[in-house]
Amino acid sequence: MTRDWDYPLAGLWLVAVTIGLVMVASASYPRGAADGDPAHYVIRHGAYLLVGAVALGVCATLPLRMWLKLHRPLLIVVVALALLVLIPGIGHMANGSRRWIGFGGFSIQAAELAKFAVVVYLAGYLARNEASLATDTLALVRPLALVGALCALLLLEPDFGSVVVLAGVTGGVLFLAGARLRHFALIVLVAALLLAVLSVVQPYRLQRLVTFLDPWAVAYTSGYQLTQALIAFGRGNLFGLGLGEGIQKLLYLPEAHNDFIFAVIAEELGLVGAMLVFGVLIALVLRTFRIGGQALADGRRFAGYVAYGAGMLLGIQCIINVGVNTGTLPTKGLTLPFVSYGGNSIIVCCALIGLVLRVQLEHGRMR
C-alpha cells in the first residue's frame, strides 16, 4: 500500500494534543473549582479538540488548489474581521483588549484566524511571484504592505504577540523564497524599529520590558506572573512534584491553564518532562519543514511554502511561549500550540497541521 499520509507528523500531533488535554485538566482544576465547576475548562478544551480534529480532517481532505484560489479572498475576510472586532458592540472586551467577536457560547479571535490566512496568502503570493522576488522591489513590498496593514489592525486591539509572530513568519517565508538580503535586512530593521518605538511609546509595554529585566523588583505588581512562573520551575527541579501535585496552579499563577501552562508542566513533570514536551513540539515543527522542503524539491511551490509557513508559525509561537514562561523573553499573551487551553488557537493550529498533511498526501499521490 502506498504510504500517502505522513504518520510521524500525525503521531506527533496526537501526542501533543494528548499532553495538552492532560495538562489542561491538571492546571485548570483549581480555577474551575473556584468557579463552582472543577471540570469546566477541561470539558471545553476537549470540545475544542474535537472541533480542531474536524478542522484538521477538512484541511487534509480539501485539495491545495482550492486554497490557492482562495488565498487572496481569505486575507480580505480576515482583514474585515480585524476591523469588525474593533467596533464597540461587536468586538468583545476582556482584560483591556478587544480581540473577540462573540457568537453565543463561542467567540472568534481575529488574530488567530489571521495566522492561518497569512500562511495561505503568502504561499499563494509566492507561488505566483517567486521568480520576480529577487529582482523587483515591488514584488517584495506588496505582501509586506498587506500583512503590515493587517498587523496594524491587530495592534489596535491590542495584540502585540500575534503581530510579532506574523512578522516573523512573513519575513522568514519571504527570505526563504529568495528575497535579496539587503532588501530583507532593511525591512527587518524598519520593522524592528517600529516595534521598538511601540514598546517605548506605550507605557504598559515599556513596563513589561522593565519587568522582564528584573521581575523580582516588582514581584507583587507587574512582575507577579513571571515570578510565580519562575517559582514553579524552581519547585519542579529535575523530575517534578508529580502530575496533579503542583502548587503554583492553586490560584498563585495567573493563566495557569493558558499562557503559563509550560510553567505548570515544569513544576509537575520537572525539567526533564518540560524538555520532553518541548522536544515533541520542536520535532513536529521540524517534520513540517521536511515536508515543505520535499514539496519545493518537487517543484510544488504553493505546497512547499504552506508547509514552511505553518512550521515557522508554530515554531515561533512555541519559542516565544517557552521564552516568556522561563523569563528569557518579555511577557506576551501567546498560547503554547496544541497544549494551552484556548478554542481559536487549538482549532487554527490543528487546521495548519491538516494543511501540511495534505501537502504530504498530494506528494504521495504523485508517485
Protein backbone atom coordinates (compact mmCIF):
# COMPACT_ATOMS: atom_id res chain seq x y z
CA MET A 1 0.00 0.00 0.00
CA THR A 2 1.31 3.47 -0.90
CA ARG A 3 2.22 5.49 2.18
CA ASP A 4 0.32 8.69 1.41
CA TRP A 5 -0.23 10.02 4.92
CA ASP A 6 2.66 11.32 6.98
CA TYR A 7 2.19 9.13 10.02
CA PRO A 8 5.11 10.61 12.01
CA LEU A 9 3.54 14.09 11.79
CA ALA A 10 0.09 12.76 12.66
CA GLY A 11 1.59 10.83 15.58
CA LEU A 12 3.44 13.88 16.92
CA TRP A 13 0.23 15.93 16.67
CA LEU A 14 -1.69 13.24 18.59
CA VAL A 15 0.97 13.12 21.32
CA ALA A 16 1.00 16.95 21.60
CA VAL A 17 -2.79 17.32 21.93
CA THR A 18 -2.94 14.43 24.40
CA ILE A 19 -0.32 16.11 26.58
CA GLY A 20 -2.29 19.32 26.28
CA LEU A 21 -5.56 17.68 27.37
CA VAL A 22 -3.91 16.05 30.41
CA MET A 23 -2.09 19.23 31.46
CA VAL A 24 -5.15 21.46 30.97
CA ALA A 25 -7.08 19.05 33.21
CA SER A 26 -4.38 19.35 35.86
CA ALA A 27 -3.73 23.10 35.55
CA SER A 28 -7.36 24.23 35.31
CA TYR A 29 -8.84 22.16 38.15
CA PRO A 30 -8.32 24.78 40.91
CA ARG A 31 -9.64 27.61 38.72
CA GLY A 32 -12.69 25.57 37.77
CA ALA A 33 -13.29 24.56 41.39
CA ALA A 34 -13.15 28.22 42.44
CA ASP A 35 -15.83 28.96 39.83
CA GLY A 36 -18.00 26.06 41.01
CA ASP A 37 -17.23 23.52 38.25
CA PRO A 38 -13.84 21.75 38.51
CA ALA A 39 -14.22 20.10 35.09
CA HIS A 40 -15.38 23.24 33.25
CA TYR A 41 -12.18 24.06 31.41
CA VAL A 42 -11.12 20.54 30.53
CA ILE A 43 -14.57 19.74 29.09
CA ARG A 44 -14.45 22.87 26.96
CA HIS A 45 -10.90 22.09 25.91
CA GLY A 46 -12.00 18.60 24.89
CA ALA A 47 -14.77 20.12 22.80
CA TYR A 48 -12.27 22.47 21.15
CA LEU A 49 -10.05 19.49 20.38
CA LEU A 50 -12.93 17.73 18.66
CA VAL A 51 -13.58 20.80 16.51
CA GLY A 52 -9.83 21.04 15.89
CA ALA A 53 -9.73 17.42 14.77
CA VAL A 54 -12.57 18.16 12.35
CA ALA A 55 -10.68 21.22 11.06
CA LEU A 56 -7.59 19.06 10.58
CA GLY A 57 -9.62 16.47 8.68
CA VAL A 58 -11.24 19.09 6.45
CA CYS A 59 -7.92 20.75 5.61
CA ALA A 60 -6.30 17.38 4.97
CA THR A 61 -9.16 16.42 2.62
CA LEU A 62 -9.56 19.57 0.53
CA PRO A 63 -7.16 19.86 -2.43
CA LEU A 64 -4.45 22.50 -2.13
CA ARG A 65 -5.53 24.07 -5.42
CA MET A 66 -8.70 25.24 -3.65
CA TRP A 67 -6.65 27.13 -1.05
CA LEU A 68 -4.51 28.57 -3.84
CA LYS A 69 -7.65 30.04 -5.41
CA LEU A 70 -8.84 31.39 -2.07
CA HIS A 71 -5.58 32.84 -0.75
CA ARG A 72 -6.49 36.48 -1.53
CA PRO A 73 -10.20 36.37 -0.54
CA LEU A 74 -9.20 34.64 2.69
CA LEU A 75 -6.91 37.52 3.64
CA ILE A 76 -9.63 40.05 2.80
CA VAL A 77 -12.09 38.23 5.06
CA VAL A 78 -9.61 38.25 7.94
CA VAL A 79 -8.89 41.98 7.46
CA ALA A 80 -12.66 42.59 7.61
CA LEU A 81 -12.89 40.58 10.85
CA ALA A 82 -9.97 42.55 12.29
CA LEU A 83 -11.92 45.73 11.53
CA LEU A 84 -15.18 44.39 12.97
CA VAL A 85 -13.57 43.37 16.24
CA LEU A 86 -12.59 46.99 16.87
CA ILE A 87 -16.20 48.21 16.68
CA PRO A 88 -17.81 48.64 20.14
CA GLY A 89 -20.83 46.40 20.45
CA ILE A 90 -19.37 43.84 18.04
CA GLY A 91 -15.91 43.27 19.46
CA HIS A 92 -15.85 41.81 22.97
CA MET A 93 -13.59 43.49 25.53
CA ALA A 94 -11.67 41.40 28.08
CA ASN A 95 -8.59 42.20 30.18
CA GLY A 96 -8.20 45.57 28.47
CA SER A 97 -8.15 44.14 24.94
CA ARG A 98 -10.82 43.97 22.27
CA ARG A 99 -9.96 40.75 20.43
CA TRP A 100 -13.09 38.63 20.16
CA ILE A 101 -16.39 38.56 18.28
CA GLY A 102 -18.93 36.62 20.30
CA PHE A 103 -21.35 34.06 18.84
CA GLY A 104 -23.39 32.62 21.69
CA GLY A 105 -21.14 30.35 23.73
CA PHE A 106 -18.24 30.66 21.29
CA SER A 107 -16.10 33.58 20.16
CA ILE A 108 -13.95 34.22 17.10
CA GLN A 109 -10.49 35.69 17.62
CA ALA A 110 -9.42 37.59 14.53
CA ALA A 111 -5.71 37.31 15.34
CA GLU A 112 -5.81 33.50 15.36
CA LEU A 113 -7.64 33.32 12.04
CA ALA A 114 -5.13 35.86 10.70
CA LYS A 115 -2.31 33.38 11.34
CA PHE A 116 -3.95 30.76 9.14
CA ALA A 117 -4.85 33.30 6.47
CA VAL A 118 -1.35 34.82 6.31
CA VAL A 119 0.28 31.40 5.86
CA VAL A 120 -2.07 30.59 2.96
CA TYR A 121 -1.81 34.08 1.44
CA LEU A 122 1.99 34.16 1.46
CA ALA A 123 2.17 30.70 -0.09
CA GLY A 124 -0.25 31.74 -2.84
CA TYR A 125 1.56 35.01 -3.49
CA LEU A 126 4.95 33.33 -3.73
CA ALA A 127 3.59 30.59 -5.98
CA ARG A 128 2.75 33.37 -8.46
CA ASN A 129 5.58 35.84 -7.89
CA GLU A 130 8.60 33.96 -6.57
CA ALA A 131 10.61 34.48 -9.77
CA SER A 132 10.38 38.29 -9.52
CA LEU A 133 11.02 38.50 -5.79
CA ALA A 134 14.79 38.89 -6.11
CA THR A 135 14.67 41.45 -8.94
CA ASP A 136 11.52 43.51 -8.39
CA THR A 137 11.35 45.52 -5.16
CA LEU A 138 7.58 45.97 -5.56
CA ALA A 139 7.16 42.20 -5.56
CA LEU A 140 8.59 42.23 -2.05
CA VAL A 141 6.74 45.34 -0.88
CA ARG A 142 3.22 44.23 -1.91
CA PRO A 143 2.83 41.30 0.52
CA LEU A 144 4.58 43.27 3.25
CA ALA A 145 2.14 46.14 2.83
CA LEU A 146 -0.90 43.87 3.04
CA VAL A 147 0.36 41.90 6.04
CA GLY A 148 1.53 45.18 7.61
CA ALA A 149 -1.98 46.65 7.30
CA LEU A 150 -3.42 43.57 8.99
CA CYS A 151 -0.80 43.82 11.76
CA ALA A 152 -1.69 47.50 12.28
CA LEU A 153 -5.31 46.49 12.94
CA LEU A 154 -4.18 43.79 15.37
CA LEU A 155 -2.07 46.34 17.23
CA LEU A 156 -5.20 48.41 17.80
CA GLU A 157 -6.83 45.53 19.72
CA PRO A 158 -4.01 45.42 21.05
CA ASP A 159 -2.34 42.06 20.28
CA PHE A 160 1.39 42.68 20.15
CA GLY A 161 2.30 39.00 20.49
CA SER A 162 0.39 37.90 17.39
CA VAL A 163 1.94 40.76 15.41
CA VAL A 164 5.43 39.56 16.36
CA VAL A 165 4.53 36.02 15.24
CA LEU A 166 3.05 37.20 11.92
CA ALA A 167 6.04 39.47 11.27
CA GLY A 168 8.43 36.59 11.94
CA VAL A 169 6.54 34.21 9.64
CA THR A 170 6.27 36.79 6.85
CA GLY A 171 9.94 37.67 6.99
CA GLY A 172 11.01 34.05 7.23
CA VAL A 173 8.95 32.83 4.27
CA LEU A 174 9.96 35.75 2.05
CA PHE A 175 13.62 35.22 2.87
CA LEU A 176 13.27 31.51 2.14
CA ALA A 177 11.67 32.38 -1.22
CA GLY A 178 14.73 34.36 -2.30
CA ALA A 179 14.25 37.96 -1.18
CA ARG A 180 17.51 39.87 -1.58
CA LEU A 181 19.50 40.03 1.61
CA ARG A 182 19.93 43.82 1.54
CA HIS A 183 16.21 44.41 0.97
CA PHE A 184 15.35 41.86 3.62
CA ALA A 185 17.78 43.39 6.12
CA LEU A 186 16.36 46.87 5.53
CA ILE A 187 12.79 45.66 6.07
CA VAL A 188 13.77 43.78 9.22
CA LEU A 189 15.49 46.91 10.54
CA VAL A 190 12.46 49.11 9.86
CA ALA A 191 10.09 46.56 11.43
CA ALA A 192 12.33 46.22 14.48
CA LEU A 193 12.48 50.00 14.89
CA LEU A 194 8.70 50.28 14.66
CA LEU A 195 8.19 47.56 17.23
CA ALA A 196 10.79 49.18 19.48
CA VAL A 197 9.02 52.56 19.21
CA LEU A 198 5.70 50.92 20.09
CA SER A 199 7.31 49.23 23.07
CA VAL A 200 8.64 52.53 24.38
CA VAL A 201 5.77 54.87 23.49
CA GLN A 202 3.06 52.76 25.11
CA PRO A 203 3.66 52.85 28.90
CA TYR A 204 2.44 49.33 29.66
CA ARG A 205 4.78 47.84 27.04
CA LEU A 206 7.72 49.75 28.49
CA GLN A 207 6.72 48.46 31.93
CA ARG A 208 6.81 44.90 30.60
CA LEU A 209 10.37 45.42 29.37
CA VAL A 210 11.42 46.84 32.72
CA THR A 211 9.72 43.93 34.49
CA PHE A 212 11.48 41.45 32.21
CA LEU A 213 14.89 42.84 33.21
CA ASP A 214 14.25 42.48 36.96
CA PRO A 215 10.93 40.78 37.78
CA TRP A 216 11.83 40.25 41.44
CA ALA A 217 11.97 44.00 42.00
CA VAL A 218 8.25 44.18 41.17
CA ALA A 219 7.30 40.68 42.28
CA TYR A 220 3.92 41.72 43.69
CA THR A 221 2.88 44.05 40.86
CA SER A 222 3.86 43.87 37.19
CA GLY A 223 6.34 41.04 37.78
CA TYR A 224 3.84 38.79 39.55
CA GLN A 225 3.15 36.42 36.63
CA LEU A 226 6.79 35.90 35.77
CA THR A 227 8.00 35.41 39.34
CA GLN A 228 5.26 32.86 40.02
CA ALA A 229 6.26 31.01 36.83
CA LEU A 230 9.91 31.00 37.91
CA ILE A 231 8.91 29.68 41.33
CA ALA A 232 7.10 26.83 39.55
CA PHE A 233 10.28 25.97 37.65
CA GLY A 234 12.24 26.02 40.90
CA ARG A 235 9.78 23.73 42.65
CA GLY A 236 9.82 21.24 39.81
CA ASN A 237 13.56 20.60 39.90
CA LEU A 238 14.63 17.75 37.59
CA PHE A 239 11.70 15.33 37.80
CA GLY A 240 8.85 17.40 39.19
CA LEU A 241 6.40 17.11 42.06
CA GLY A 242 4.22 14.65 40.16
CA LEU A 243 1.25 15.04 37.83
CA GLY A 244 -1.50 16.94 39.59
CA GLU A 245 0.70 17.81 42.58
CA GLY A 246 1.66 21.32 41.52
CA ILE A 247 1.17 24.19 43.93
CA GLN A 248 1.50 27.28 41.75
CA LYS A 249 -1.70 26.46 39.84
CA LEU A 250 -3.61 26.87 43.12
CA LEU A 251 -4.55 30.40 42.05
CA TYR A 252 -0.99 31.69 42.55
CA LEU A 253 -0.03 31.55 38.88
CA PRO A 254 -2.43 33.53 36.65
CA GLU A 255 -3.48 31.84 33.40
CA ALA A 256 -2.02 28.54 34.61
CA HIS A 257 -4.05 26.57 32.06
CA ASN A 258 -3.38 29.02 29.23
CA ASP A 259 -0.33 31.23 28.61
CA PHE A 260 1.67 29.82 31.55
CA ILE A 261 0.85 26.13 31.23
CA PHE A 262 4.50 25.36 30.47
CA ALA A 263 5.40 26.53 33.99
CA VAL A 264 2.85 24.06 35.39
CA ILE A 265 4.40 21.32 33.24
CA ALA A 266 7.85 22.20 34.62
CA GLU A 267 6.59 22.11 38.22
CA GLU A 268 4.73 18.82 37.93
CA LEU A 269 6.96 16.95 35.45
CA GLY A 270 10.26 18.68 36.19
CA LEU A 271 12.90 19.98 33.82
CA VAL A 272 13.14 16.58 32.15
CA GLY A 273 9.39 16.42 31.49
CA ALA A 274 9.26 20.02 30.28
CA MET A 275 12.13 19.40 27.85
CA LEU A 276 10.43 16.26 26.55
CA VAL A 277 7.21 18.19 25.90
CA PHE A 278 9.15 20.97 24.18
CA GLY A 279 11.03 18.31 22.21
CA VAL A 280 7.76 16.85 20.90
CA LEU A 281 6.67 20.28 19.67
CA ILE A 282 10.03 21.01 18.03
CA ALA A 283 10.04 17.58 16.38
CA LEU A 284 6.59 18.37 14.98
CA VAL A 285 7.87 21.69 13.59
CA LEU A 286 10.93 20.06 12.04
CA ARG A 287 8.69 17.44 10.42
CA THR A 288 6.66 20.19 8.74
CA PHE A 289 9.92 21.71 7.43
CA ARG A 290 10.93 18.34 5.99
CA ILE A 291 7.60 18.04 4.19
CA GLY A 292 7.93 21.63 2.92
CA GLY A 293 11.44 21.01 1.63
CA GLN A 294 10.29 17.89 -0.18
CA ALA A 295 7.44 19.82 -1.82
CA LEU A 296 9.78 22.58 -3.02
CA ALA A 297 12.16 19.95 -4.39
CA ASP A 298 9.21 18.54 -6.38
CA GLY A 299 8.52 22.00 -7.81
CA ARG A 300 5.25 22.42 -5.86
CA ARG A 301 5.79 26.00 -4.72
CA PHE A 302 2.44 26.64 -3.06
CA ALA A 303 2.54 23.35 -1.14
CA GLY A 304 6.11 23.93 -0.02
CA TYR A 305 5.52 27.44 1.28
CA VAL A 306 2.32 26.38 3.04
CA ALA A 307 4.26 23.73 4.96
CA TYR A 308 7.17 26.05 5.73
CA GLY A 309 4.83 28.86 6.78
CA ALA A 310 2.86 26.57 9.09
CA GLY A 311 6.06 25.22 10.62
CA MET A 312 7.51 28.69 11.16
CA LEU A 313 4.32 29.96 12.77
CA LEU A 314 4.09 27.03 15.19
CA GLY A 315 7.81 27.12 15.92
CA ILE A 316 7.96 30.86 16.60
CA GLN A 317 4.95 30.68 18.87
CA CYS A 318 6.43 27.73 20.79
CA ILE A 319 9.74 29.55 21.30
CA ILE A 320 8.04 32.77 22.43
CA ASN A 321 5.71 30.98 24.87
CA VAL A 322 8.53 28.97 26.43
CA GLY A 323 10.73 32.07 26.48
CA VAL A 324 8.03 34.01 28.35
CA ASN A 325 7.50 31.18 30.84
CA THR A 326 11.22 30.91 31.58
CA GLY A 327 11.82 34.66 31.78
CA THR A 328 14.07 34.83 28.73
CA LEU A 329 11.55 36.94 26.78
CA PRO A 330 9.21 39.77 27.87
CA THR A 331 5.68 38.70 28.81
CA LYS A 332 3.27 38.31 25.87
CA GLY A 333 -0.14 36.70 25.68
CA LEU A 334 0.60 33.75 23.42
CA THR A 335 -0.53 30.17 23.89
CA LEU A 336 1.67 27.08 23.62
CA PRO A 337 0.44 25.37 20.42
CA PHE A 338 -1.63 22.20 20.97
CA VAL A 339 -1.03 22.34 24.75
CA SER A 340 -2.58 25.54 26.14
CA TYR A 341 -6.30 25.95 26.73
CA GLY A 342 -8.00 28.06 24.07
CA GLY A 343 -10.55 27.37 21.37
CA ASN A 344 -9.40 29.53 18.47
CA SER A 345 -5.74 28.70 18.98
CA ILE A 346 -6.18 24.92 19.10
CA ILE A 347 -8.52 24.91 16.09
CA VAL A 348 -6.20 27.02 13.93
CA CYS A 349 -3.12 25.01 14.92
CA CYS A 350 -4.91 21.77 14.06
CA ALA A 351 -6.05 23.24 10.73
CA LEU A 352 -2.43 24.11 9.90
CA ILE A 353 -1.36 20.53 10.58
CA GLY A 354 -4.19 19.42 8.29
CA LEU A 355 -2.76 21.59 5.50
CA VAL A 356 0.70 20.08 5.98
CA LEU A 357 -0.74 16.56 5.95
CA ARG A 358 -2.45 17.46 2.68
CA VAL A 359 0.89 18.59 1.26
CA GLN A 360 2.36 15.16 2.01
CA LEU A 361 -0.76 13.36 0.81
CA GLU A 362 -0.58 15.02 -2.61
CA HIS A 363 3.13 14.16 -2.80
CA GLY A 364 2.29 10.51 -2.17
CA ARG A 365 -0.32 10.50 -4.92
CA MET A 366 2.20 11.94 -7.40
CA ARG A 367 4.39 8.84 -7.13
